[in-house]
Amino acid sequence: MTTEPDYLRTTRASYDAIASEYAEVFRDELAGKPLDRAMFAAFAELVLTGGGGRVLDVGSGPGHATAHLHGLGLDVSGVDLSPEMVAQARRAYPGLRFEEGSMLALDAPDASLAGLVANYSIIHIPAELLPEVFGEFRRVLAPGGRALVVFQVGDETTHRTEAFGREISLDAGRLRPDHVERLLGEAGLPVEARLLREPRQGMEPTPQACLLARRPA
């Protein structure tokens, strides 16, 4: 019998505890991020002009990014570790598909996806496991498929014990774009575009990064 790692258990439990409040706060998150929306639009256009196909939003949370991608014309579904987040997403967007799952073992056949988005979801993965995660991303992407990876920029890992007035235990790592780009390349997903922007004043404590990678055809 395989024992589940502590970080998966605590991350799931933490997001389960704050799912409803998180969904309310972040429902319109992309409305204030024109540069991020531009990267999502570029990602969607590249997937569609490449022939389209299934897209997976990994770590989809309450589903707002999944819904945005759907609005851009993509055949997209979401997967999240937290069953309460999945429940929030299903209630908010009943026409879209959301399932429970881990990015370390995606429920998708080899080379089956035209695109994959990880929108602030790799930040809860221990640094030593990122190569394994990116290898899994490459496994499920078809040749020519794109991955869009979004994260906070920095060097430190923060630990939170409270959010929205609830007790949690959640680690979140900030990452350097050059390091993530190197790991993606080593996994077979060379980066073809990047966005590095300054934080929104009063809204974000650190710069933010979006990397667009592609599995070679």
N, C-alpha and C. Protein backbone atom coordinates (compact mmCIF):
# COMPACT_ATOMS: atom_id res chain seq x y z
N MET A 1 0.85 -1.19 0.00
CA MET A 1 0.00 0.00 0.00
C MET A 1 0.88 1.24 0.00
N THR A 2 0.63 2.16 -0.92
CA THR A 2 1.44 3.36 -1.04
C THR A 2 0.91 4.43 -0.08
N THR A 3 1.82 5.01 0.69
CA THR A 3 1.46 6.08 1.62
C THR A 3 1.50 7.42 0.90
N GLU A 4 0.46 8.20 1.01
CA GLU A 4 0.40 9.51 0.35
C GLU A 4 1.37 10.47 1.01
N PRO A 5 2.14 11.21 0.24
CA PRO A 5 3.06 12.19 0.81
C PRO A 5 2.31 13.24 1.64
N ASP A 6 2.98 13.73 2.69
CA ASP A 6 2.36 14.71 3.58
C ASP A 6 1.93 15.97 2.83
N TYR A 7 2.76 16.43 1.88
CA TYR A 7 2.44 17.70 1.22
C TYR A 7 1.15 17.60 0.41
N LEU A 8 0.87 16.44 -0.17
CA LEU A 8 -0.39 16.27 -0.90
C LEU A 8 -1.58 16.31 0.06
N ARG A 9 -1.44 15.64 1.17
CA ARG A 9 -2.53 15.58 2.15
C ARG A 9 -2.82 16.97 2.72
N THR A 10 -1.77 17.71 3.10
CA THR A 10 -1.98 19.03 3.71
C THR A 10 -2.44 20.05 2.69
N THR A 11 -1.94 19.96 1.46
CA THR A 11 -2.39 20.89 0.42
C THR A 11 -3.87 20.66 0.13
N ARG A 12 -4.27 19.42 -0.02
CA ARG A 12 -5.69 19.10 -0.27
C ARG A 12 -6.56 19.61 0.87
N ALA A 13 -6.17 19.29 2.09
CA ALA A 13 -6.98 19.68 3.25
C ALA A 13 -7.07 21.20 3.38
N SER A 14 -5.99 21.89 3.07
CA SER A 14 -5.98 23.36 3.19
C SER A 14 -6.94 23.99 2.18
N TYR A 15 -6.88 23.53 0.93
CA TYR A 15 -7.78 24.09 -0.07
C TYR A 15 -9.23 23.65 0.15
N ASP A 16 -9.43 22.46 0.67
CA ASP A 16 -10.80 22.06 1.03
C ASP A 16 -11.38 23.03 2.07
N ALA A 17 -10.54 23.44 3.02
CA ALA A 17 -11.01 24.30 4.12
C ALA A 17 -11.41 25.69 3.65
N ILE A 18 -10.77 26.19 2.59
CA ILE A 18 -11.00 27.58 2.18
C ILE A 18 -11.68 27.67 0.81
N ALA A 19 -12.20 26.57 0.29
CA ALA A 19 -12.67 26.53 -1.10
C ALA A 19 -13.72 27.59 -1.41
N SER A 20 -14.71 27.75 -0.58
CA SER A 20 -15.79 28.68 -0.91
C SER A 20 -15.30 30.12 -0.89
N GLU A 21 -14.49 30.48 0.11
CA GLU A 21 -13.97 31.84 0.19
C GLU A 21 -13.00 32.13 -0.96
N TYR A 22 -12.16 31.17 -1.27
CA TYR A 22 -11.20 31.31 -2.36
C TYR A 22 -11.93 31.52 -3.69
N ALA A 23 -12.96 30.74 -3.91
CA ALA A 23 -13.71 30.84 -5.16
C ALA A 23 -14.32 32.23 -5.31
N GLU A 24 -14.84 32.78 -4.22
CA GLU A 24 -15.45 34.11 -4.28
C GLU A 24 -14.40 35.18 -4.56
N VAL A 25 -13.26 35.12 -3.92
CA VAL A 25 -12.23 36.16 -4.07
C VAL A 25 -11.60 36.14 -5.46
N PHE A 26 -11.37 34.93 -6.00
CA PHE A 26 -10.61 34.81 -7.24
C PHE A 26 -11.48 34.63 -8.48
N ARG A 27 -12.80 34.73 -8.34
CA ARG A 27 -13.69 34.48 -9.47
C ARG A 27 -13.38 35.38 -10.66
N ASP A 28 -13.07 36.65 -10.42
CA ASP A 28 -12.81 37.60 -11.50
C ASP A 28 -11.33 37.97 -11.57
N GLU A 29 -10.45 37.08 -11.11
CA GLU A 29 -9.03 37.39 -11.02
C GLU A 29 -8.44 37.86 -12.35
N LEU A 30 -8.77 37.21 -13.44
CA LEU A 30 -8.15 37.54 -14.72
C LEU A 30 -8.62 38.88 -15.28
N ALA A 31 -9.71 39.41 -14.77
CA ALA A 31 -10.22 40.69 -15.27
C ALA A 31 -9.21 41.81 -15.06
N GLY A 32 -8.41 41.72 -14.02
CA GLY A 32 -7.43 42.76 -13.73
C GLY A 32 -6.03 42.43 -14.22
N LYS A 33 -5.90 41.44 -15.11
CA LYS A 33 -4.58 40.99 -15.55
C LYS A 33 -4.53 40.96 -17.09
N PRO A 34 -4.45 42.12 -17.74
CA PRO A 34 -4.47 42.13 -19.21
C PRO A 34 -3.28 41.41 -19.83
N LEU A 35 -2.11 41.49 -19.22
CA LEU A 35 -0.96 40.81 -19.80
C LEU A 35 -1.09 39.30 -19.67
N ASP A 36 -1.60 38.83 -18.55
CA ASP A 36 -1.84 37.40 -18.38
C ASP A 36 -2.88 36.91 -19.39
N ARG A 37 -3.93 37.71 -19.60
CA ARG A 37 -4.95 37.33 -20.57
C ARG A 37 -4.36 37.25 -21.97
N ALA A 38 -3.40 38.13 -22.25
CA ALA A 38 -2.76 38.09 -23.56
C ALA A 38 -2.00 36.78 -23.76
N MET A 39 -1.34 36.28 -22.72
CA MET A 39 -0.64 35.00 -22.83
C MET A 39 -1.64 33.85 -22.98
N PHE A 40 -2.75 33.92 -22.26
CA PHE A 40 -3.79 32.90 -22.42
C PHE A 40 -4.33 32.92 -23.84
N ALA A 41 -4.53 34.14 -24.39
CA ALA A 41 -5.06 34.25 -25.75
C ALA A 41 -4.07 33.70 -26.76
N ALA A 42 -2.78 33.98 -26.57
CA ALA A 42 -1.76 33.46 -27.48
C ALA A 42 -1.71 31.93 -27.41
N PHE A 43 -1.78 31.41 -26.19
CA PHE A 43 -1.81 29.96 -25.99
C PHE A 43 -2.99 29.34 -26.74
N ALA A 44 -4.18 29.93 -26.56
CA ALA A 44 -5.38 29.40 -27.20
C ALA A 44 -5.26 29.46 -28.72
N GLU A 45 -4.76 30.56 -29.24
CA GLU A 45 -4.63 30.68 -30.69
C GLU A 45 -3.67 29.65 -31.25
N LEU A 46 -2.55 29.43 -30.55
CA LEU A 46 -1.58 28.45 -31.03
C LEU A 46 -2.15 27.04 -31.01
N VAL A 47 -2.91 26.72 -29.95
CA VAL A 47 -3.54 25.39 -29.88
C VAL A 47 -4.53 25.22 -31.02
N LEU A 48 -5.36 26.23 -31.25
CA LEU A 48 -6.40 26.12 -32.28
C LEU A 48 -5.81 26.09 -33.68
N THR A 49 -4.83 26.94 -33.95
CA THR A 49 -4.24 26.93 -35.29
C THR A 49 -3.39 25.69 -35.52
N GLY A 50 -2.99 25.02 -34.44
CA GLY A 50 -2.27 23.76 -34.57
C GLY A 50 -3.17 22.56 -34.78
N GLY A 51 -4.46 22.79 -34.89
CA GLY A 51 -5.41 21.71 -35.14
C GLY A 51 -6.38 21.47 -34.01
N GLY A 52 -6.17 22.16 -32.87
CA GLY A 52 -7.07 22.00 -31.74
C GLY A 52 -6.91 20.66 -31.05
N GLY A 53 -7.83 20.37 -30.17
CA GLY A 53 -7.78 19.14 -29.39
C GLY A 53 -8.02 19.42 -27.93
N ARG A 54 -7.93 18.39 -27.14
CA ARG A 54 -8.25 18.50 -25.72
C ARG A 54 -7.17 19.28 -24.99
N VAL A 55 -7.62 20.15 -24.07
CA VAL A 55 -6.73 20.94 -23.22
C VAL A 55 -7.09 20.66 -21.76
N LEU A 56 -6.07 20.59 -20.91
CA LEU A 56 -6.28 20.31 -19.49
C LEU A 56 -5.74 21.46 -18.66
N ASP A 57 -6.58 21.98 -17.76
CA ASP A 57 -6.18 22.99 -16.77
C ASP A 57 -5.82 22.24 -15.49
N VAL A 58 -4.53 22.18 -15.19
CA VAL A 58 -4.02 21.36 -14.09
C VAL A 58 -3.91 22.22 -12.83
N GLY A 59 -4.63 21.83 -11.80
CA GLY A 59 -4.73 22.67 -10.61
C GLY A 59 -5.75 23.76 -10.86
N SER A 60 -6.91 23.36 -11.34
CA SER A 60 -7.92 24.30 -11.84
C SER A 60 -8.65 25.05 -10.75
N GLY A 61 -8.52 24.63 -9.49
CA GLY A 61 -9.16 25.36 -8.40
C GLY A 61 -10.65 25.53 -8.63
N PRO A 62 -11.18 26.75 -8.42
CA PRO A 62 -12.62 26.98 -8.59
C PRO A 62 -13.05 27.15 -10.03
N GLY A 63 -12.13 26.99 -10.99
CA GLY A 63 -12.52 26.88 -12.39
C GLY A 63 -12.53 28.16 -13.20
N HIS A 64 -12.09 29.29 -12.63
CA HIS A 64 -12.19 30.54 -13.38
C HIS A 64 -11.28 30.57 -14.60
N ALA A 65 -10.06 30.03 -14.48
CA ALA A 65 -9.16 30.00 -15.64
C ALA A 65 -9.66 29.01 -16.68
N THR A 66 -10.20 27.88 -16.23
CA THR A 66 -10.78 26.91 -17.16
C THR A 66 -11.89 27.54 -17.97
N ALA A 67 -12.76 28.28 -17.30
CA ALA A 67 -13.87 28.95 -17.99
C ALA A 67 -13.35 30.00 -18.97
N HIS A 68 -12.31 30.71 -18.59
CA HIS A 68 -11.73 31.71 -19.50
C HIS A 68 -11.19 31.04 -20.77
N LEU A 69 -10.50 29.93 -20.60
CA LEU A 69 -9.97 29.19 -21.75
C LEU A 69 -11.11 28.66 -22.63
N HIS A 70 -12.18 28.20 -22.00
CA HIS A 70 -13.34 27.75 -22.77
C HIS A 70 -13.91 28.90 -23.60
N GLY A 71 -13.94 30.10 -23.01
CA GLY A 71 -14.43 31.26 -23.73
C GLY A 71 -13.55 31.65 -24.91
N LEU A 72 -12.30 31.20 -24.90
CA LEU A 72 -11.38 31.44 -26.02
C LEU A 72 -11.51 30.37 -27.10
N GLY A 73 -12.45 29.45 -26.91
CA GLY A 73 -12.72 28.46 -27.95
C GLY A 73 -12.08 27.11 -27.76
N LEU A 74 -11.49 26.86 -26.58
CA LEU A 74 -10.79 25.60 -26.36
C LEU A 74 -11.71 24.52 -25.78
N ASP A 75 -11.41 23.28 -26.13
CA ASP A 75 -12.06 22.11 -25.55
C ASP A 75 -11.28 21.77 -24.28
N VAL A 76 -11.66 22.41 -23.18
CA VAL A 76 -10.85 22.37 -21.96
C VAL A 76 -11.62 21.77 -20.81
N SER A 77 -10.90 21.04 -19.96
CA SER A 77 -11.45 20.53 -18.71
C SER A 77 -10.45 20.82 -17.60
N GLY A 78 -10.89 20.68 -16.35
CA GLY A 78 -10.03 20.98 -15.22
C GLY A 78 -9.81 19.78 -14.33
N VAL A 79 -8.67 19.77 -13.67
CA VAL A 79 -8.37 18.74 -12.67
C VAL A 79 -7.74 19.43 -11.47
N ASP A 80 -8.15 19.03 -10.27
CA ASP A 80 -7.63 19.64 -9.05
C ASP A 80 -7.53 18.61 -7.95
N LEU A 81 -6.56 18.83 -7.07
CA LEU A 81 -6.32 17.92 -5.95
C LEU A 81 -7.45 17.96 -4.93
N SER A 82 -8.08 19.12 -4.80
CA SER A 82 -9.07 19.35 -3.74
C SER A 82 -10.49 19.02 -4.19
N PRO A 83 -11.16 18.06 -3.56
CA PRO A 83 -12.55 17.77 -3.95
C PRO A 83 -13.50 18.94 -3.72
N GLU A 84 -13.22 19.76 -2.71
CA GLU A 84 -14.08 20.91 -2.47
C GLU A 84 -13.90 21.97 -3.55
N MET A 85 -12.68 22.14 -4.06
CA MET A 85 -12.47 23.05 -5.18
C MET A 85 -13.17 22.52 -6.44
N VAL A 86 -13.10 21.24 -6.66
CA VAL A 86 -13.80 20.63 -7.80
C VAL A 86 -15.30 20.88 -7.68
N ALA A 87 -15.83 20.74 -6.48
CA ALA A 87 -17.26 20.98 -6.26
C ALA A 87 -17.62 22.43 -6.55
N GLN A 88 -16.78 23.36 -6.12
CA GLN A 88 -17.02 24.78 -6.40
C GLN A 88 -17.04 25.03 -7.91
N ALA A 89 -16.07 24.45 -8.61
CA ALA A 89 -15.98 24.65 -10.06
C ALA A 89 -17.19 24.07 -10.77
N ARG A 90 -17.62 22.90 -10.37
CA ARG A 90 -18.78 22.28 -11.01
C ARG A 90 -20.04 23.09 -10.81
N ARG A 91 -20.19 23.69 -9.62
CA ARG A 91 -21.38 24.53 -9.37
C ARG A 91 -21.33 25.81 -10.19
N ALA A 92 -20.14 26.41 -10.29
CA ALA A 92 -20.02 27.69 -10.99
C ALA A 92 -20.09 27.53 -12.50
N TYR A 93 -19.57 26.40 -13.01
CA TYR A 93 -19.48 26.20 -14.46
C TYR A 93 -20.00 24.80 -14.80
N PRO A 94 -21.32 24.60 -14.71
CA PRO A 94 -21.87 23.24 -14.88
C PRO A 94 -21.70 22.68 -16.28
N GLY A 95 -21.40 23.51 -17.25
CA GLY A 95 -21.21 23.01 -18.60
C GLY A 95 -19.80 22.52 -18.89
N LEU A 96 -18.90 22.65 -17.92
CA LEU A 96 -17.52 22.22 -18.11
C LEU A 96 -17.21 21.00 -17.25
N ARG A 97 -16.12 20.30 -17.59
CA ARG A 97 -15.74 19.07 -16.89
C ARG A 97 -14.63 19.37 -15.87
N PHE A 98 -14.85 18.91 -14.64
CA PHE A 98 -13.84 19.05 -13.58
C PHE A 98 -13.74 17.73 -12.83
N GLU A 99 -12.51 17.29 -12.60
CA GLU A 99 -12.27 16.02 -11.91
C GLU A 99 -11.19 16.20 -10.85
N GLU A 100 -11.18 15.28 -9.88
CA GLU A 100 -10.11 15.25 -8.89
C GLU A 100 -8.89 14.53 -9.47
N GLY A 101 -7.70 14.97 -9.07
CA GLY A 101 -6.50 14.31 -9.54
C GLY A 101 -5.25 15.07 -9.16
N SER A 102 -4.11 14.44 -9.39
CA SER A 102 -2.81 15.02 -9.07
C SER A 102 -2.00 15.22 -10.33
N MET A 103 -1.25 16.32 -10.40
CA MET A 103 -0.42 16.58 -11.56
C MET A 103 0.78 15.63 -11.65
N LEU A 104 1.03 14.88 -10.61
CA LEU A 104 2.10 13.88 -10.65
C LEU A 104 1.65 12.60 -11.35
N ALA A 105 0.35 12.43 -11.53
CA ALA A 105 -0.17 11.23 -12.20
C ALA A 105 -1.48 11.60 -12.87
N LEU A 106 -1.37 12.30 -14.00
CA LEU A 106 -2.56 12.78 -14.70
C LEU A 106 -3.31 11.62 -15.36
N ASP A 107 -4.63 11.70 -15.27
CA ASP A 107 -5.48 10.65 -15.86
C ASP A 107 -5.71 10.99 -17.33
N ALA A 108 -4.65 10.86 -18.13
CA ALA A 108 -4.72 11.14 -19.56
C ALA A 108 -3.73 10.23 -20.27
N PRO A 109 -4.10 9.68 -21.42
CA PRO A 109 -3.18 8.82 -22.16
C PRO A 109 -1.96 9.59 -22.65
N ASP A 110 -0.93 8.86 -22.99
CA ASP A 110 0.27 9.46 -23.57
C ASP A 110 -0.10 10.24 -24.84
N ALA A 111 0.51 11.41 -24.98
CA ALA A 111 0.39 12.21 -26.21
C ALA A 111 -1.06 12.48 -26.61
N SER A 112 -1.92 12.74 -25.61
CA SER A 112 -3.35 12.89 -25.90
C SER A 112 -3.84 14.33 -25.83
N LEU A 113 -3.02 15.26 -25.36
CA LEU A 113 -3.48 16.63 -25.15
C LEU A 113 -2.86 17.59 -26.15
N ALA A 114 -3.68 18.52 -26.63
CA ALA A 114 -3.17 19.60 -27.48
C ALA A 114 -2.59 20.72 -26.65
N GLY A 115 -2.98 20.82 -25.39
CA GLY A 115 -2.48 21.88 -24.54
C GLY A 115 -2.69 21.57 -23.08
N LEU A 116 -1.90 22.24 -22.24
CA LEU A 116 -1.97 22.06 -20.79
C LEU A 116 -1.63 23.39 -20.14
N VAL A 117 -2.41 23.77 -19.13
CA VAL A 117 -2.18 25.00 -18.37
C VAL A 117 -1.97 24.64 -16.91
N ALA A 118 -0.94 25.24 -16.31
CA ALA A 118 -0.71 25.13 -14.87
C ALA A 118 -0.64 26.56 -14.34
N ASN A 119 -1.79 27.06 -13.91
CA ASN A 119 -1.94 28.46 -13.50
C ASN A 119 -1.76 28.57 -11.99
N TYR A 120 -0.55 28.89 -11.55
CA TYR A 120 -0.21 29.01 -10.13
C TYR A 120 -0.41 27.70 -9.37
N SER A 121 -0.27 26.58 -10.04
CA SER A 121 -0.47 25.30 -9.36
C SER A 121 0.84 24.55 -9.08
N ILE A 122 1.91 24.84 -9.82
CA ILE A 122 3.18 24.16 -9.52
C ILE A 122 3.82 24.69 -8.26
N ILE A 123 3.30 25.79 -7.70
CA ILE A 123 3.94 26.42 -6.53
C ILE A 123 3.84 25.55 -5.29
N HIS A 124 2.94 24.58 -5.27
CA HIS A 124 2.79 23.73 -4.09
C HIS A 124 3.54 22.40 -4.22
N ILE A 125 4.27 22.24 -5.31
CA ILE A 125 5.06 21.03 -5.52
C ILE A 125 6.46 21.23 -4.94
N PRO A 126 6.96 20.31 -4.12
CA PRO A 126 8.34 20.44 -3.64
C PRO A 126 9.32 20.58 -4.80
N ALA A 127 10.32 21.44 -4.63
CA ALA A 127 11.22 21.77 -5.73
C ALA A 127 11.85 20.54 -6.37
N GLU A 128 12.17 19.54 -5.56
CA GLU A 128 12.85 18.35 -6.09
C GLU A 128 11.93 17.50 -6.96
N LEU A 129 10.61 17.75 -6.90
CA LEU A 129 9.67 16.98 -7.71
C LEU A 129 9.25 17.68 -8.99
N LEU A 130 9.69 18.92 -9.19
CA LEU A 130 9.30 19.63 -10.40
C LEU A 130 9.74 18.91 -11.68
N PRO A 131 10.95 18.33 -11.74
CA PRO A 131 11.29 17.58 -12.96
C PRO A 131 10.31 16.44 -13.24
N GLU A 132 9.84 15.77 -12.20
CA GLU A 132 8.87 14.70 -12.39
C GLU A 132 7.54 15.25 -12.92
N VAL A 133 7.11 16.38 -12.38
CA VAL A 133 5.88 17.01 -12.84
C VAL A 133 5.99 17.41 -14.31
N PHE A 134 7.10 18.04 -14.68
CA PHE A 134 7.25 18.47 -16.07
C PHE A 134 7.39 17.28 -17.01
N GLY A 135 7.97 16.19 -16.52
CA GLY A 135 8.00 14.96 -17.32
C GLY A 135 6.60 14.42 -17.56
N GLU A 136 5.74 14.55 -16.55
CA GLU A 136 4.35 14.13 -16.71
C GLU A 136 3.62 15.03 -17.70
N PHE A 137 3.91 16.34 -17.65
CA PHE A 137 3.32 17.26 -18.62
C PHE A 137 3.70 16.83 -20.04
N ARG A 138 4.97 16.52 -20.25
CA ARG A 138 5.42 16.13 -21.57
C ARG A 138 4.76 14.81 -22.01
N ARG A 139 4.59 13.89 -21.06
CA ARG A 139 3.99 12.59 -21.40
C ARG A 139 2.61 12.76 -22.00
N VAL A 140 1.80 13.63 -21.41
CA VAL A 140 0.41 13.73 -21.86
C VAL A 140 0.23 14.66 -23.05
N LEU A 141 1.23 15.52 -23.33
CA LEU A 141 1.11 16.42 -24.48
C LEU A 141 1.43 15.70 -25.78
N ALA A 142 0.62 15.95 -26.79
CA ALA A 142 0.93 15.43 -28.11
C ALA A 142 2.10 16.21 -28.71
N PRO A 143 2.83 15.62 -29.66
CA PRO A 143 3.87 16.39 -30.35
C PRO A 143 3.28 17.68 -30.92
N GLY A 144 3.95 18.79 -30.65
CA GLY A 144 3.44 20.09 -31.05
C GLY A 144 2.54 20.75 -30.01
N GLY A 145 2.16 20.00 -28.96
CA GLY A 145 1.29 20.54 -27.92
C GLY A 145 1.97 21.58 -27.07
N ARG A 146 1.18 22.52 -26.55
CA ARG A 146 1.72 23.63 -25.76
C ARG A 146 1.39 23.48 -24.28
N ALA A 147 2.30 24.01 -23.44
CA ALA A 147 2.08 24.11 -22.00
C ALA A 147 2.27 25.56 -21.59
N LEU A 148 1.34 26.09 -20.80
CA LEU A 148 1.45 27.43 -20.25
C LEU A 148 1.56 27.30 -18.73
N VAL A 149 2.68 27.78 -18.19
CA VAL A 149 2.98 27.63 -16.77
C VAL A 149 3.10 29.02 -16.15
N VAL A 150 2.31 29.28 -15.10
CA VAL A 150 2.24 30.60 -14.47
C VAL A 150 2.61 30.45 -12.99
N PHE A 151 3.43 31.38 -12.49
CA PHE A 151 3.90 31.26 -11.10
C PHE A 151 4.42 32.60 -10.60
N GLN A 152 4.59 32.71 -9.28
CA GLN A 152 5.20 33.88 -8.67
C GLN A 152 6.72 33.76 -8.74
N VAL A 153 7.38 34.90 -8.87
CA VAL A 153 8.83 34.93 -9.02
C VAL A 153 9.50 35.19 -7.66
N GLY A 154 10.53 34.42 -7.38
CA GLY A 154 11.29 34.62 -6.15
C GLY A 154 12.11 33.39 -5.83
N ASP A 155 12.67 33.39 -4.62
CA ASP A 155 13.55 32.30 -4.21
C ASP A 155 13.04 31.56 -2.97
N GLU A 156 12.08 32.13 -2.28
CA GLU A 156 11.71 31.60 -0.99
C GLU A 156 10.45 30.73 -1.06
N THR A 157 10.30 29.89 -0.05
CA THR A 157 9.08 29.11 0.16
C THR A 157 8.38 29.65 1.39
N THR A 158 7.11 29.99 1.24
CA THR A 158 6.34 30.51 2.37
C THR A 158 5.47 29.39 2.95
N HIS A 159 5.19 29.50 4.24
CA HIS A 159 4.30 28.55 4.91
C HIS A 159 3.18 29.33 5.59
N ARG A 160 1.95 29.02 5.22
CA ARG A 160 0.80 29.70 5.79
C ARG A 160 0.03 28.76 6.70
N THR A 161 -0.38 29.29 7.84
CA THR A 161 -1.17 28.52 8.80
C THR A 161 -2.59 29.04 8.94
N GLU A 162 -2.90 30.14 8.21
CA GLU A 162 -4.23 30.72 8.28
C GLU A 162 -4.56 31.40 6.97
N ALA A 163 -5.80 31.28 6.53
CA ALA A 163 -6.30 32.00 5.37
C ALA A 163 -7.81 32.11 5.48
N PHE A 164 -8.34 33.29 5.20
CA PHE A 164 -9.78 33.53 5.27
C PHE A 164 -10.35 33.14 6.63
N GLY A 165 -9.53 33.32 7.69
CA GLY A 165 -9.98 33.01 9.03
C GLY A 165 -10.02 31.54 9.37
N ARG A 166 -9.43 30.71 8.51
CA ARG A 166 -9.45 29.27 8.73
C ARG A 166 -8.03 28.74 8.90
N GLU A 167 -7.91 27.69 9.67
CA GLU A 167 -6.60 27.08 9.91
C GLU A 167 -6.21 26.20 8.72
N ILE A 168 -5.00 26.43 8.23
CA ILE A 168 -4.48 25.64 7.11
C ILE A 168 -3.02 25.30 7.37
N SER A 169 -2.45 24.52 6.51
CA SER A 169 -1.01 24.24 6.53
C SER A 169 -0.57 24.11 5.07
N LEU A 170 -0.06 25.23 4.51
CA LEU A 170 0.14 25.29 3.07
C LEU A 170 1.50 25.92 2.75
N ASP A 171 2.33 25.16 2.04
CA ASP A 171 3.60 25.67 1.53
C ASP A 171 3.43 26.14 0.10
N ALA A 172 4.05 27.27 -0.22
CA ALA A 172 4.02 27.80 -1.59
C ALA A 172 5.40 28.32 -1.94
N GLY A 173 5.96 27.78 -3.03
CA GLY A 173 7.30 28.17 -3.44
C GLY A 173 7.27 29.19 -4.55
N ARG A 174 8.10 30.22 -4.41
CA ARG A 174 8.32 31.14 -5.52
C ARG A 174 9.53 30.65 -6.31
N LEU A 175 9.51 30.93 -7.60
CA LEU A 175 10.46 30.28 -8.50
C LEU A 175 11.09 31.30 -9.44
N ARG A 176 12.30 31.00 -9.91
CA ARG A 176 12.99 31.84 -10.86
C ARG A 176 12.67 31.37 -12.29
N PRO A 177 12.27 32.28 -13.17
CA PRO A 177 11.92 31.88 -14.53
C PRO A 177 13.02 31.11 -15.25
N ASP A 178 14.28 31.52 -15.09
CA ASP A 178 15.37 30.81 -15.76
C ASP A 178 15.45 29.35 -15.29
N HIS A 179 15.21 29.14 -14.00
CA HIS A 179 15.27 27.78 -13.44
C HIS A 179 14.12 26.94 -13.99
N VAL A 180 12.91 27.50 -14.00
CA VAL A 180 11.76 26.75 -14.51
C VAL A 180 11.93 26.48 -15.99
N GLU A 181 12.45 27.45 -16.73
CA GLU A 181 12.68 27.24 -18.16
C GLU A 181 13.68 26.11 -18.39
N ARG A 182 14.72 26.07 -17.57
CA ARG A 182 15.72 25.00 -17.73
C ARG A 182 15.10 23.64 -17.44
N LEU A 183 14.29 23.55 -16.38
CA LEU A 183 13.67 22.27 -16.03
C LEU A 183 12.68 21.83 -17.11
N LEU A 184 11.93 22.77 -17.67
CA LEU A 184 11.02 22.42 -18.76
C LEU A 184 11.80 21.91 -19.96
N GLY A 185 12.89 22.58 -20.29
CA GLY A 185 13.70 22.14 -21.42
C GLY A 185 14.28 20.76 -21.21
N GLU A 186 14.74 20.49 -19.99
CA GLU A 186 15.30 19.18 -19.68
C GLU A 186 14.23 18.09 -19.74
N ALA A 187 12.97 18.47 -19.50
CA ALA A 187 11.87 17.51 -19.59
C ALA A 187 11.39 17.30 -21.01
N GLY A 188 11.96 18.05 -21.97
CA GLY A 188 11.53 17.93 -23.36
C GLY A 188 10.46 18.91 -23.75
N LEU A 189 10.37 20.03 -23.01
CA LEU A 189 9.38 21.07 -23.31
C LEU A 189 10.10 22.42 -23.41
N PRO A 190 10.80 22.67 -24.50
CA PRO A 190 11.52 23.94 -24.62
C PRO A 190 10.56 25.12 -24.62
N VAL A 191 10.98 26.19 -23.95
CA VAL A 191 10.16 27.40 -23.84
C VAL A 191 10.31 28.23 -25.10
N GLU A 192 9.17 28.70 -25.63
CA GLU A 192 9.21 29.52 -26.84
C GLU A 192 8.79 30.96 -26.60
N ALA A 193 8.23 31.25 -25.41
CA ALA A 193 7.89 32.64 -25.07
C ALA A 193 7.78 32.75 -23.56
N ARG A 194 8.06 33.96 -23.05
CA ARG A 194 7.92 34.19 -21.62
C ARG A 194 7.41 35.60 -21.38
N LEU A 195 6.64 35.75 -20.32
CA LEU A 195 6.18 37.04 -19.83
C LEU A 195 6.64 37.17 -18.40
N LEU A 196 7.35 38.24 -18.09
CA LEU A 196 7.74 38.57 -16.72
C LEU A 196 7.22 39.96 -16.45
N ARG A 197 6.28 40.08 -15.51
CA ARG A 197 5.70 41.38 -15.24
C ARG A 197 5.84 41.75 -13.77
N GLU A 198 5.80 43.04 -13.52
CA GLU A 198 5.86 43.53 -12.16
C GLU A 198 4.54 43.26 -11.43
N PRO A 199 4.57 43.19 -10.10
CA PRO A 199 3.33 42.93 -9.37
C PRO A 199 2.34 44.09 -9.50
N ARG A 200 1.07 43.75 -9.48
CA ARG A 200 0.04 44.78 -9.43
C ARG A 200 0.09 45.45 -8.06
N GLN A 201 0.13 46.78 -8.04
CA GLN A 201 0.31 47.51 -6.80
C GLN A 201 -0.83 47.21 -5.82
N GLY A 202 -0.43 46.81 -4.61
CA GLY A 202 -1.40 46.50 -3.57
C GLY A 202 -2.08 45.16 -3.70
N MET A 203 -1.78 44.40 -4.78
CA MET A 203 -2.47 43.14 -5.03
C MET A 203 -1.54 41.94 -4.98
N GLU A 204 -0.28 42.14 -5.38
CA GLU A 204 0.67 41.03 -5.48
C GLU A 204 2.00 41.45 -4.84
N PRO A 205 2.60 40.60 -4.03
CA PRO A 205 3.85 40.97 -3.37
C PRO A 205 5.10 40.77 -4.22
N THR A 206 5.00 40.00 -5.30
CA THR A 206 6.19 39.67 -6.09
C THR A 206 5.88 39.79 -7.58
N PRO A 207 6.92 39.87 -8.43
CA PRO A 207 6.69 39.75 -9.86
C PRO A 207 6.06 38.41 -10.21
N GLN A 208 5.48 38.35 -11.40
CA GLN A 208 4.77 37.16 -11.86
C GLN A 208 5.34 36.73 -13.21
N ALA A 209 5.34 35.43 -13.46
CA ALA A 209 5.91 34.90 -14.70
C ALA A 209 4.93 33.96 -15.38
N CYS A 210 4.90 34.02 -16.72
CA CYS A 210 4.19 33.05 -17.56
C CYS A 210 5.19 32.50 -18.57
N LEU A 211 5.33 31.20 -18.65
CA LEU A 211 6.20 30.56 -19.63
C LEU A 211 5.35 29.72 -20.56
N LEU A 212 5.57 29.90 -21.86
CA LEU A 212 4.87 29.11 -22.87
C LEU A 212 5.87 28.13 -23.49
N ALA A 213 5.62 26.84 -23.30
CA ALA A 213 6.53 25.79 -23.77
C ALA A 213 5.80 24.92 -24.80
N ARG A 214 6.60 24.16 -25.54
CA ARG A 214 6.03 23.32 -26.60
C ARG A 214 6.77 21.99 -26.67
N ARG A 215 6.00 20.92 -26.75
CA ARG A 215 6.61 19.63 -27.03
C ARG A 215 6.96 19.58 -28.53
N PRO A 216 8.21 19.36 -28.89
CA PRO A 216 8.58 19.38 -30.31
C PRO A 216 7.77 18.38 -31.12
N ALA A 217 7.44 18.79 -32.33
CA ALA A 217 6.68 17.91 -33.23
C ALA A 217 7.57 16.76 -33.70
